[in-house]
Protein backbone atom coordinates (compact mmCIF):
# COMPACT_ATOMS: atom_id res chain seq x y z
CA GLN A 1 0.30 8.77 16.15
CA VAL A 2 -0.71 6.15 13.55
CA GLN A 3 1.32 2.89 13.57
CA LEU A 4 1.55 0.91 10.29
CA VAL A 5 2.92 -2.61 9.85
CA GLU A 6 3.19 -4.20 6.35
CA SER A 7 3.42 -7.88 5.65
CA GLY A 8 3.04 -10.39 2.81
CA GLY A 9 6.11 -9.66 0.76
CA GLY A 10 8.35 -12.30 -0.74
CA LEU A 11 10.03 -13.84 -3.75
CA VAL A 12 7.66 -14.99 -6.53
CA GLN A 13 8.04 -15.81 -10.28
CA PRO A 14 6.70 -13.59 -12.96
CA GLY A 15 2.95 -14.07 -13.56
CA ARG A 16 2.29 -15.17 -10.02
CA SER A 17 0.33 -13.25 -7.36
CA LEU A 18 0.96 -11.73 -3.94
CA ARG A 19 -1.27 -10.09 -1.40
CA LEU A 20 0.21 -7.40 0.84
CA SER A 21 -1.35 -6.44 4.14
CA CYS A 22 -1.05 -3.26 6.19
CA ALA A 23 -2.28 -3.22 9.80
CA ALA A 24 -3.01 0.25 11.14
CA SER A 25 -3.75 1.64 14.53
CA GLY A 26 -6.38 4.23 15.30
CA SER A 27 -10.01 4.35 16.40
CA ILE A 28 -10.95 6.53 13.42
CA PHE A 29 -9.19 4.35 10.81
CA SER A 30 -12.26 4.60 8.56
CA THR A 31 -11.49 8.32 7.99
CA TYR A 32 -7.89 7.74 6.83
CA THR A 33 -6.82 7.92 3.30
CA MET A 34 -4.57 4.83 2.77
CA GLY A 35 -2.07 4.15 0.11
CA TRP A 36 0.65 1.80 -1.19
CA TYR A 37 3.93 3.10 -2.54
CA ARG A 38 7.03 1.38 -3.74
CA GLN A 39 10.66 2.22 -3.99
CA THR A 40 13.81 0.67 -5.62
CA PRO A 41 17.35 1.72 -4.82
CA GLY A 42 18.35 4.98 -6.49
CA LYS A 43 14.80 5.85 -7.58
CA PRO A 44 12.09 8.08 -6.00
CA ARG A 45 9.30 6.43 -4.06
CA GLU A 46 6.30 6.20 -6.35
CA LEU A 47 2.57 5.84 -5.86
CA VAL A 48 1.10 2.46 -6.47
CA ALA A 49 -2.47 2.71 -5.27
CA VAL A 50 -4.69 4.85 -2.97
CA VAL A 51 -8.02 4.31 -1.41
CA THR A 52 -9.94 7.06 0.34
CA SER A 53 -12.36 6.89 3.25
CA GLY A 54 -15.10 6.94 0.64
CA ASP A 55 -13.54 3.85 -1.19
CA THR A 56 -12.42 5.90 -4.11
CA THR A 57 -9.35 4.28 -5.68
CA THR A 58 -6.43 5.52 -7.73
CA TYR A 59 -3.73 3.44 -9.39
CA ALA A 60 -0.48 4.03 -11.13
CA ASP A 61 -0.68 3.43 -14.87
CA SER A 62 1.82 0.69 -14.55
CA VAL A 63 -0.33 -1.45 -12.29
CA LYS A 64 -3.89 -0.70 -13.54
CA GLY A 65 -5.74 -3.95 -14.26
CA ARG A 66 -3.28 -5.96 -12.24
CA PHE A 67 -3.30 -4.60 -8.78
CA THR A 68 -6.28 -3.97 -6.45
CA ILE A 69 -6.24 -1.96 -3.25
CA SER A 70 -8.97 -2.50 -0.65
CA ARG A 71 -9.70 -1.83 3.05
CA ASP A 72 -11.46 -3.38 5.89
CA ASN A 73 -12.42 -0.74 8.36
CA GLY A 74 -13.60 -3.22 10.88
CA LEU A 75 -10.14 -4.74 11.17
CA ASN A 76 -8.11 -1.58 10.47
CA MET A 77 -6.51 -3.31 7.47
CA VAL A 78 -5.50 -2.22 3.94
CA TYR A 79 -4.58 -4.75 1.30
CA LEU A 80 -2.84 -4.77 -2.06
CA GLN A 81 -3.72 -7.69 -4.27
CA MET A 82 -1.00 -7.97 -6.93
CA ASN A 83 -1.70 -10.23 -9.93
CA ASN A 84 0.35 -11.07 -12.99
CA LEU A 85 3.50 -9.72 -11.35
CA LYS A 86 6.30 -8.54 -13.54
CA PRO A 87 10.06 -8.22 -12.79
CA GLU A 88 9.63 -4.40 -12.89
CA ASP A 89 7.28 -4.73 -9.85
CA THR A 90 10.30 -5.63 -7.76
CA ALA A 91 10.58 -3.06 -4.99
CA ARG A 92 10.08 -2.41 -1.33
CA TYR A 93 6.37 -1.61 -0.77
CA TYR A 94 5.24 0.86 1.84
CA CYS A 95 1.96 1.55 3.44
CA LYS A 96 0.93 5.19 4.00
CA ALA A 97 -1.81 6.80 6.01
CA VAL A 98 -2.99 10.41 5.73
CA THR A 99 -5.02 11.80 8.58
CA VAL A 100 -6.66 15.06 9.51
CA GLY A 101 -5.69 16.53 12.84
CA ALA A 102 -6.57 19.68 14.75
CA LYS A 103 -7.49 22.80 12.75
CA GLY A 104 -7.54 20.73 9.53
CA ALA A 105 -3.82 19.91 9.43
CA LEU A 106 -2.79 16.87 7.45
CA TYR A 107 -0.42 14.23 8.84
CA GLU A 108 1.35 11.44 6.90
CA TYR A 109 2.53 8.17 8.38
CA TRP A 110 4.62 5.40 6.92
CA GLY A 111 5.23 1.80 7.63
CA GLN A 112 8.69 0.19 7.45
CA GLY A 113 7.90 -1.55 4.17
CA THR A 114 7.98 -5.14 2.86
CA GLN A 115 10.19 -6.37 0.07
CA VAL A 116 8.64 -7.79 -3.06
CA THR A 117 10.96 -9.56 -5.52
CA ILE A 118 9.77 -10.91 -8.89
CA SER A 119 12.30 -13.17 -10.55
CA SER A 120 12.49 -16.38 -12.47
C-alpha cells in the first residue's frame, strides 16, 4: 500500500506563493500517476493538477498559469508550486497516487491533506 504525507500548507495573503510537498512510499514511485486535489466544506473534491509517470501534466482551468505540479522520482516526492494565490484557492489540498496492480487493476491512495488559507 502507498503511504502519502502532505506538507507545506498555511495561511498567506492574496498574491503570495506556497509550495506544497507530498512524500510517497514505494519502490516503483516513478510509475505512479500523482495528483493534487482540493476540497472545501460542502463542495466536492476537485482536481487541481496531475502529473503522469511520463511527466505529462494536466491542470484545472482555475489554476492554469499560476500552479505548477512536478515530481522528483529519486526522492519519491511530488510538489505543487502555487503562485499568485487567490482567496478562492482556500481549501484542504490532498495528494493522490494511482498505481497499477496485479492483472492491470488500478488502485487509488490519498493523503490526509494540508490546509491552505488565503486571506488578507
